[in-house]
């Protein structure tokens, strides 16, 4: 089932005070044309609160601070997979040479 709040529909006629007929787009052709008025939402220009599943544009951060990893890795202690913005990444907990266990990063 598709999310009906992703697009706008035009009301073609008022059947009763509580029922309207709408013009559906191609993807909704198997759905009936009449809907109760209580199902309708008014159109807002921003619509972010009414359409939470709408794709949002994500901008990259302005500046990323990188830590200094000048010493070589002695041992990989643990790894895990994470997902950020639809992309898979792997994070590692490592121990560097010449450092104690409390300095693991």
Protein backbone atom coordinates (compact mmCIF):
# COMPACT_ATOMS: atom_id res chain seq x y z
CA UNK A 1 0.00 0.00 0.00
CA UNK A 2 1.32 3.43 -0.91
CA UNK A 3 1.41 6.39 1.44
CA UNK A 4 -1.40 8.66 0.29
CA UNK A 5 0.14 11.78 1.85
CA UNK A 6 3.06 11.87 -0.59
CA UNK A 7 1.15 13.63 -3.32
CA UNK A 8 -1.80 15.96 -3.91
CA UNK A 9 -5.18 14.83 -5.18
CA UNK A 10 -7.76 17.05 -6.87
CA UNK A 11 -11.32 16.93 -5.54
CA UNK A 12 -13.59 16.44 -8.58
CA UNK A 13 -17.00 16.61 -6.88
CA UNK A 14 -18.78 16.63 -3.54
CA UNK A 15 -20.99 13.52 -3.35
CA UNK A 16 -22.46 14.28 0.09
CA UNK A 17 -21.46 16.60 2.91
CA UNK A 18 -19.22 13.87 4.29
CA UNK A 19 -18.04 12.22 1.03
CA UNK A 20 -15.93 13.52 -1.88
CA UNK A 21 -14.68 12.10 -5.16
CA UNK A 22 -11.01 12.68 -6.01
CA UNK A 23 -8.92 12.35 -9.16
CA UNK A 24 -6.23 9.74 -8.43
CA UNK A 25 -2.79 9.49 -9.98
CA UNK A 26 -1.67 6.46 -11.99
CA UNK A 27 -0.15 4.59 -9.04
CA UNK A 28 -3.46 4.62 -7.18
CA UNK A 29 -5.64 3.37 -10.04
CA UNK A 30 -6.93 0.32 -8.13
CA UNK A 31 -8.21 2.42 -5.23
CA UNK A 32 -11.83 3.59 -5.12
CA UNK A 33 -12.46 7.23 -5.98
CA UNK A 34 -14.73 8.26 -3.08
CA UNK A 35 -13.28 9.18 0.32
CA UNK A 36 -14.78 10.50 3.55
CA UNK A 37 -14.08 14.16 4.21
CA UNK A 38 -12.43 13.18 7.51
CA UNK A 39 -9.60 11.51 5.52
CA UNK A 40 -8.66 14.76 3.76
CA UNK A 41 -5.88 17.11 4.84
CA UNK A 42 -5.39 20.69 3.76
CA UNK A 43 -2.38 21.50 1.63
CA UNK A 44 0.42 23.42 3.36
CA UNK A 45 3.34 24.85 1.44
CA UNK A 46 5.99 23.45 3.82
CA UNK A 47 4.16 20.27 4.76
CA UNK A 48 7.03 18.84 6.84
CA UNK A 49 4.81 18.03 9.81
CA UNK A 50 2.03 16.64 7.59
CA UNK A 51 4.36 14.57 5.38
CA UNK A 52 7.02 13.02 7.66
CA UNK A 53 8.05 10.35 5.14
CA UNK A 54 8.82 12.85 2.36
CA UNK A 55 12.47 12.80 1.25
CA UNK A 56 14.52 15.52 2.89
CA UNK A 57 17.70 17.00 1.50
CA UNK A 58 20.69 16.31 3.72
CA UNK A 59 23.60 18.70 3.47
CA UNK A 60 27.13 17.57 4.42
CA UNK A 61 28.70 19.18 7.48
CA UNK A 62 30.84 22.25 6.86
CA UNK A 63 33.98 20.94 8.53
CA UNK A 64 34.95 17.58 10.00
CA UNK A 65 37.61 17.41 12.70
CA UNK A 66 39.84 14.35 12.33
CA UNK A 67 41.78 12.97 15.26
CA UNK A 68 45.51 12.36 15.03
CA UNK A 69 46.19 8.64 14.55
CA UNK A 70 49.91 8.89 14.02
CA UNK A 71 50.85 5.71 15.90
CA UNK A 72 50.23 2.35 14.17
CA UNK A 73 47.40 0.00 15.18
CA UNK A 74 48.43 -2.82 17.50
CA UNK A 75 45.15 -4.75 17.66
CA UNK A 76 41.53 -4.52 16.45
CA UNK A 77 39.50 -5.21 19.57
CA UNK A 78 35.97 -5.06 18.20
CA UNK A 79 34.06 -4.07 15.05
CA UNK A 80 30.44 -3.38 14.24
CA UNK A 81 28.32 -2.45 11.25
CA UNK A 82 26.32 0.77 11.33
CA UNK A 83 23.97 2.40 8.83
CA UNK A 84 24.04 6.17 8.29
CA UNK A 85 21.77 7.85 5.72
CA UNK A 86 21.19 4.56 3.91
CA UNK A 87 24.88 3.64 3.61
CA UNK A 88 26.63 0.83 5.47
CA UNK A 89 29.78 1.61 7.44
CA UNK A 90 32.02 -0.40 9.74
CA UNK A 91 33.34 1.04 13.00
CA UNK A 92 36.40 -0.37 14.73
CA UNK A 93 37.60 -0.24 18.32
CA UNK A 94 41.38 -0.45 18.12
CA UNK A 95 44.39 -0.37 20.41
CA UNK A 96 47.37 1.61 19.19
CA UNK A 97 50.97 0.61 19.84
CA UNK A 98 52.61 2.25 22.85
CA UNK A 99 49.24 3.11 24.45
CA UNK A 100 47.34 1.65 27.39
CA UNK A 101 43.87 0.06 27.33
CA UNK A 102 42.18 3.23 28.57
CA UNK A 103 43.26 5.02 25.35
CA UNK A 104 41.33 2.64 23.03
CA UNK A 105 39.58 4.46 20.18
